Amino acid sequence: MDVQNLEKNQRNKIIKELCDQGAGFSQLARITGISYGIIQRVVTDQSPLIYYSYTAKHYSV
């Protein structure tokens, strides 16, 4: 089964189930080809970081 091409919710469910059965993050990353960071976020229910870009505004007096 190619886990990378599954729908996101289905993929996450499979990853969580495998971790519950004792598979480690590194092991899942190697087997599935999904990055360690994504697996870690899925299993620990962390949302991805959002970076905001601010542009500096200069005001003359």
PDB file of N, CA and C in Angstrom:
ATOM      1  N   MET A   1       0.845  -1.178   0.000  1.00  0.00           N
ATOM      2  CA  MET A   1       0.000   0.000   0.000  1.00  0.00           C
ATOM      3  C   MET A   1       0.888   1.238   0.000  1.00  0.00           C
ATOM      4  N   ASP A   2       0.566   2.176  -0.857  1.00  0.00           N
ATOM      5  CA  ASP A   2       1.335   3.409  -0.951  1.00  0.00           C
ATOM      6  C   ASP A   2       0.677   4.469  -0.074  1.00  0.00           C
ATOM      7  N   VAL A   3       1.175   4.620   1.134  1.00  0.00           N
ATOM      8  CA  VAL A   3       0.581   5.507   2.127  1.00  0.00           C
ATOM      9  C   VAL A   3       0.676   6.963   1.705  1.00  0.00           C
ATOM     10  N   GLN A   4       1.700   7.326   0.977  1.00  0.00           N
ATOM     11  CA  GLN A   4       1.886   8.720   0.557  1.00  0.00           C
ATOM     12  C   GLN A   4       0.750   9.222  -0.323  1.00  0.00           C
ATOM     13  N   ASN A   5       0.127   8.336  -1.094  1.00  0.00           N
ATOM     14  CA  ASN A   5      -0.904   8.758  -2.035  1.00  0.00           C
ATOM     15  C   ASN A   5      -2.318   8.653  -1.488  1.00  0.00           C
ATOM     16  N   LEU A   6      -2.455   8.264  -0.239  1.00  0.00           N
ATOM     17  CA  LEU A   6      -3.780   8.183   0.369  1.00  0.00           C
ATOM     18  C   LEU A   6      -4.299   9.565   0.719  1.00  0.00           C
ATOM     19  N   GLU A   7      -5.606   9.652   0.919  1.00  0.00           N
ATOM     20  CA  GLU A   7      -6.193  10.894   1.402  1.00  0.00           C
ATOM     21  C   GLU A   7      -5.595  11.191   2.776  1.00  0.00           C
ATOM     22  N   LYS A   8      -5.439  12.468   3.089  1.00  0.00           N
ATOM     23  CA  LYS A   8      -4.738  12.895   4.303  1.00  0.00           C
ATOM     24  C   LYS A   8      -5.333  12.278   5.580  1.00  0.00           C
ATOM     25  N   ASN A   9      -6.644  12.300   5.719  1.00  0.00           N
ATOM     26  CA  ASN A   9      -7.283  11.756   6.927  1.00  0.00           C
ATOM     27  C   ASN A   9      -7.062  10.259   7.058  1.00  0.00           C
ATOM     28  N   GLN A  10      -7.149   9.549   5.948  1.00  0.00           N
ATOM     29  CA  GLN A  10      -6.924   8.104   5.949  1.00  0.00           C
ATOM     30  C   GLN A  10      -5.466   7.793   6.285  1.00  0.00           C
ATOM     31  N   ARG A  11      -4.555   8.563   5.675  1.00  0.00           N
ATOM     32  CA  ARG A  11      -3.127   8.390   5.945  1.00  0.00           C
ATOM     33  C   ARG A  11      -2.824   8.604   7.420  1.00  0.00           C
ATOM     34  N   ASN A  12      -3.378   9.679   8.005  1.00  0.00           N
ATOM     35  CA  ASN A  12      -3.121   9.987   9.411  1.00  0.00           C
ATOM     36  C   ASN A  12      -3.658   8.904  10.331  1.00  0.00           C
ATOM     37  N   LYS A  13      -4.824   8.365   9.996  1.00  0.00           N
ATOM     38  CA  LYS A  13      -5.416   7.289  10.811  1.00  0.00           C
ATOM     39  C   LYS A  13      -4.507   6.065  10.818  1.00  0.00           C
ATOM     40  N   ILE A  14      -3.977   5.703   9.651  1.00  0.00           N
ATOM     41  CA  ILE A  14      -3.082   4.548   9.544  1.00  0.00           C
ATOM     42  C   ILE A  14      -1.803   4.789  10.344  1.00  0.00           C
ATOM     43  N   ILE A  15      -1.245   5.994  10.235  1.00  0.00           N
ATOM     44  CA  ILE A  15      -0.013   6.315  10.974  1.00  0.00           C
ATOM     45  C   ILE A  15      -0.247   6.216  12.475  1.00  0.00           C
ATOM     46  N   LYS A  16      -1.359   6.754  12.961  1.00  0.00           N
ATOM     47  CA  LYS A  16      -1.664   6.687  14.396  1.00  0.00           C
ATOM     48  C   LYS A  16      -1.837   5.246  14.859  1.00  0.00           C
ATOM     49  N   GLU A  17      -2.523   4.439  14.055  1.00  0.00           N
ATOM     50  CA  GLU A  17      -2.731   3.032  14.410  1.00  0.00           C
ATOM     51  C   GLU A  17      -1.410   2.279  14.491  1.00  0.00           C
ATOM     52  N   LEU A  18      -0.521   2.527  13.540  1.00  0.00           N
ATOM     53  CA  LEU A  18       0.780   1.854  13.550  1.00  0.00           C
ATOM     54  C   LEU A  18       1.610   2.266  14.764  1.00  0.00           C
ATOM     55  N   CYS A  19       1.543   3.547  15.135  1.00  0.00           N
ATOM     56  CA  CYS A  19       2.268   4.004  16.328  1.00  0.00           C
ATOM     57  C   CYS A  19       1.687   3.373  17.586  1.00  0.00           C
ATOM     58  N   ASP A  20       0.365   3.244  17.628  1.00  0.00           N
ATOM     59  CA  ASP A  20      -0.279   2.600  18.781  1.00  0.00           C
ATOM     60  C   ASP A  20       0.155   1.146  18.915  1.00  0.00           C
ATOM     61  N   GLN A  21       0.499   0.529  17.794  1.00  0.00           N
ATOM     62  CA  GLN A  21       0.943  -0.866  17.810  1.00  0.00           C
ATOM     63  C   GLN A  21       2.442  -1.000  18.072  1.00  0.00           C
ATOM     64  N   GLY A  22       3.124   0.141  18.261  1.00  0.00           N
ATOM     65  CA  GLY A  22       4.530   0.077  18.654  1.00  0.00           C
ATOM     66  C   GLY A  22       5.542   0.542  17.628  1.00  0.00           C
ATOM     67  N   ALA A  23       5.094   0.968  16.463  1.00  0.00           N
ATOM     68  CA  ALA A  23       6.043   1.445  15.457  1.00  0.00           C
ATOM     69  C   ALA A  23       6.578   2.817  15.858  1.00  0.00           C
ATOM     70  N   GLY A  24       7.837   3.060  15.619  1.00  0.00           N
ATOM     71  CA  GLY A  24       8.459   4.336  15.961  1.00  0.00           C
ATOM     72  C   GLY A  24       8.367   5.318  14.801  1.00  0.00           C
ATOM     73  N   PHE A  25       8.587   6.590  15.112  1.00  0.00           N
ATOM     74  CA  PHE A  25       8.522   7.636  14.098  1.00  0.00           C
ATOM     75  C   PHE A  25       9.537   7.392  12.988  1.00  0.00           C
ATOM     76  N   SER A  26      10.757   7.097  13.350  1.00  0.00           N
ATOM     77  CA  SER A  26      11.811   6.878  12.349  1.00  0.00           C
ATOM     78  C   SER A  26      11.495   5.671  11.482  1.00  0.00           C
ATOM     79  N   GLN A  27      10.996   4.622  12.118  1.00  0.00           N
ATOM     80  CA  GLN A  27      10.646   3.413  11.378  1.00  0.00           C
ATOM     81  C   GLN A  27       9.542   3.705  10.360  1.00  0.00           C
ATOM     82  N   LEU A  28       8.520   4.428  10.786  1.00  0.00           N
ATOM     83  CA  LEU A  28       7.429   4.773   9.876  1.00  0.00           C
ATOM     84  C   LEU A  28       7.899   5.680   8.752  1.00  0.00           C
ATOM     85  N   ALA A  29       8.790   6.604   9.069  1.00  0.00           N
ATOM     86  CA  ALA A  29       9.326   7.499   8.045  1.00  0.00           C
ATOM     87  C   ALA A  29      10.066   6.700   6.970  1.00  0.00           C
ATOM     88  N   ARG A  30      10.868   5.738   7.390  1.00  0.00           N
ATOM     89  CA  ARG A  30      11.609   4.909   6.429  1.00  0.00           C
ATOM     90  C   ARG A  30      10.667   4.072   5.574  1.00  0.00           C
ATOM     91  N   ILE A  31       9.691   3.447   6.207  1.00  0.00           N
ATOM     92  CA  ILE A  31       8.811   2.519   5.497  1.00  0.00           C
ATOM     93  C   ILE A  31       7.856   3.245   4.550  1.00  0.00           C
ATOM     94  N   THR A  32       7.294   4.359   5.001  1.00  0.00           N
ATOM     95  CA  THR A  32       6.257   5.044   4.219  1.00  0.00           C
ATOM     96  C   THR A  32       6.794   6.097   3.273  1.00  0.00           C
ATOM     97  N   GLY A  33       7.974   6.626   3.560  1.00  0.00           N
ATOM     98  CA  GLY A  33       8.509   7.712   2.752  1.00  0.00           C
ATOM     99  C   GLY A  33       7.953   9.066   3.155  1.00  0.00           C
ATOM    100  N   ILE A  34       7.193   9.098   4.238  1.00  0.00           N
ATOM    101  CA  ILE A  34       6.653  10.350   4.775  1.00  0.00           C
ATOM    102  C   ILE A  34       7.666  10.880   5.784  1.00  0.00           C
ATOM    103  N   SER A  35       7.873  12.183   5.799  1.00  0.00           N
ATOM    104  CA  SER A  35       8.925  12.739   6.647  1.00  0.00           C
ATOM    105  C   SER A  35       8.651  12.517   8.138  1.00  0.00           C
ATOM    106  N   TYR A  36       9.730  12.427   8.889  1.00  0.00           N
ATOM    107  CA  TYR A  36       9.674  12.231  10.337  1.00  0.00           C
ATOM    108  C   TYR A  36       8.824  13.321  10.992  1.00  0.00           C
ATOM    109  N   GLY A  37       9.000  14.565  10.559  1.00  0.00           N
ATOM    110  CA  GLY A  37       8.276  15.691  11.152  1.00  0.00           C
ATOM    111  C   GLY A  37       6.776  15.589  10.957  1.00  0.00           C
ATOM    112  N   ILE A  38       6.343  15.150   9.790  1.00  0.00           N
ATOM    113  CA  ILE A  38       4.910  14.994   9.545  1.00  0.00           C
ATOM    114  C   ILE A  38       4.349  13.880  10.407  1.00  0.00           C
ATOM    115  N   ILE A  39       5.054  12.783  10.505  1.00  0.00           N
ATOM    116  CA  ILE A  39       4.598  11.672  11.344  1.00  0.00           C
ATOM    117  C   ILE A  39       4.508  12.123  12.795  1.00  0.00           C
ATOM    118  N   GLN A  40       5.495  12.848  13.255  1.00  0.00           N
ATOM    119  CA  GLN A  40       5.496  13.351  14.629  1.00  0.00           C
ATOM    120  C   GLN A  40       4.286  14.261  14.873  1.00  0.00           C
ATOM    121  N   ARG A  41       4.004  15.159  13.937  1.00  0.00           N
ATOM    122  CA  ARG A  41       2.859  16.065  14.083  1.00  0.00           C
ATOM    123  C   ARG A  41       1.542  15.302  14.103  1.00  0.00           C
ATOM    124  N   VAL A  42       1.420  14.294  13.237  1.00  0.00           N
ATOM    125  CA  VAL A  42       0.185  13.507  13.165  1.00  0.00           C
ATOM    126  C   VAL A  42      -0.057  12.778  14.480  1.00  0.00           C
ATOM    127  N   VAL A  43       0.971  12.143  14.996  1.00  0.00           N
ATOM    128  CA  VAL A  43       0.822  11.317  16.194  1.00  0.00           C
ATOM    129  C   VAL A  43       0.620  12.166  17.441  1.00  0.00           C
ATOM    130  N   THR A  44       1.277  13.314  17.507  1.00  0.00           N
ATOM    131  CA  THR A  44       1.169  14.153  18.711  1.00  0.00           C
ATOM    132  C   THR A  44       0.082  15.214  18.565  1.00  0.00           C
ATOM    133  N   ASP A  45      -0.672  15.167  17.459  1.00  0.00           N
ATOM    134  CA  ASP A  45      -1.776  16.108  17.209  1.00  0.00           C
ATOM    135  C   ASP A  45      -1.341  17.563  17.247  1.00  0.00           C
ATOM    136  N   GLN A  46      -0.162  17.847  16.758  1.00  0.00           N
ATOM    137  CA  GLN A  46       0.310  19.227  16.692  1.00  0.00           C
ATOM    138  C   GLN A  46      -0.027  19.793  15.326  1.00  0.00           C
ATOM    139  N   SER A  47      -0.484  21.018  15.295  1.00  0.00           N
ATOM    140  CA  SER A  47      -0.742  21.660  14.016  1.00  0.00           C
ATOM    141  C   SER A  47       0.576  22.204  13.468  1.00  0.00           C
ATOM    142  N   PRO A  48       0.682  22.299  12.159  1.00  0.00           N
ATOM    143  CA  PRO A  48       1.922  22.835  11.590  1.00  0.00           C
ATOM    144  C   PRO A  48       2.112  24.294  11.960  1.00  0.00           C
ATOM    145  N   LEU A  49       3.359  24.695  12.011  1.00  0.00           N
ATOM    146  CA  LEU A  49       3.665  26.082  12.329  1.00  0.00           C
ATOM    147  C   LEU A  49       3.264  26.988  11.184  1.00  0.00           C
ATOM    148  N   ILE A  50       2.762  28.147  11.524  1.00  0.00           N
ATOM    149  CA  ILE A  50       2.392  29.127  10.521  1.00  0.00           C
ATOM    150  C   ILE A  50       3.303  30.326  10.695  1.00  0.00           C
ATOM    151  N   TYR A  51       3.970  30.695   9.641  1.00  0.00           N
ATOM    152  CA  TYR A  51       4.877  31.827   9.697  1.00  0.00           C
ATOM    153  C   TYR A  51       4.225  33.019   9.012  1.00  0.00           C
ATOM    154  N   TYR A  52       4.265  34.134   9.683  1.00  0.00           N
ATOM    155  CA  TYR A  52       3.707  35.354   9.123  1.00  0.00           C
ATOM    156  C   TYR A  52       4.844  36.256   8.681  1.00  0.00           C
ATOM    157  N   SER A  53       4.665  36.891   7.561  1.00  0.00           N
ATOM    158  CA  SER A  53       5.663  37.806   7.054  1.00  0.00           C
ATOM    159  C   SER A  53       5.178  39.234   7.279  1.00  0.00           C
ATOM    160  N   TYR A  54       5.960  39.980   7.955  1.00  0.00           N
ATOM    161  CA  TYR A  54       5.618  41.378   8.217  1.00  0.00           C
ATOM    162  C   TYR A  54       6.566  42.270   7.420  1.00  0.00           C
ATOM    163  N   THR A  55       6.008  43.274   6.796  1.00  0.00           N
ATOM    164  CA  THR A  55       6.861  44.237   6.102  1.00  0.00           C
ATOM    165  C   THR A  55       6.952  45.479   6.967  1.00  0.00           C
ATOM    166  N   ALA A  56       8.129  46.006   7.085  1.00  0.00           N
ATOM    167  CA  ALA A  56       8.345  47.191   7.917  1.00  0.00           C
ATOM    168  C   ALA A  56       7.833  48.419   7.178  1.00  0.00           C
ATOM    169  N   LYS A  57       7.104  49.219   7.882  1.00  0.00           N
ATOM    170  CA  LYS A  57       6.602  50.455   7.279  1.00  0.00           C
ATOM    171  C   LYS A  57       7.339  51.619   7.933  1.00  0.00           C
ATOM    172  N   HIS A  58       7.864  52.466   7.112  1.00  0.00           N
ATOM    173  CA  HIS A  58       8.623  53.603   7.621  1.00  0.00           C
ATOM    174  C   HIS A  58       7.792  54.867   7.445  1.00  0.00           C
ATOM    175  N   TYR A  59       7.671  55.589   8.515  1.00  0.00           N
ATOM    176  CA  TYR A  59       6.897  56.838   8.473  1.00  0.00           C
ATOM    177  C   TYR A  59       7.844  58.000   8.717  1.00  0.00           C
ATOM    178  N   SER A  60       7.734  58.989   7.892  1.00  0.00           N
ATOM    179  CA  SER A  60       8.579  60.160   8.087  1.00  0.00           C
ATOM    180  C   SER A  60       7.774  61.225   8.844  1.00  0.00           C
ATOM    181  N   VAL A  61       8.460  61.926   9.740  1.00  0.00           N
ATOM    182  CA  VAL A  61       7.799  62.950  10.563  1.00  0.00           C
ATOM    183  C   VAL A  61       8.078  64.328  10.023  1.00  0.00           C
TER     184      VAL A  61
END
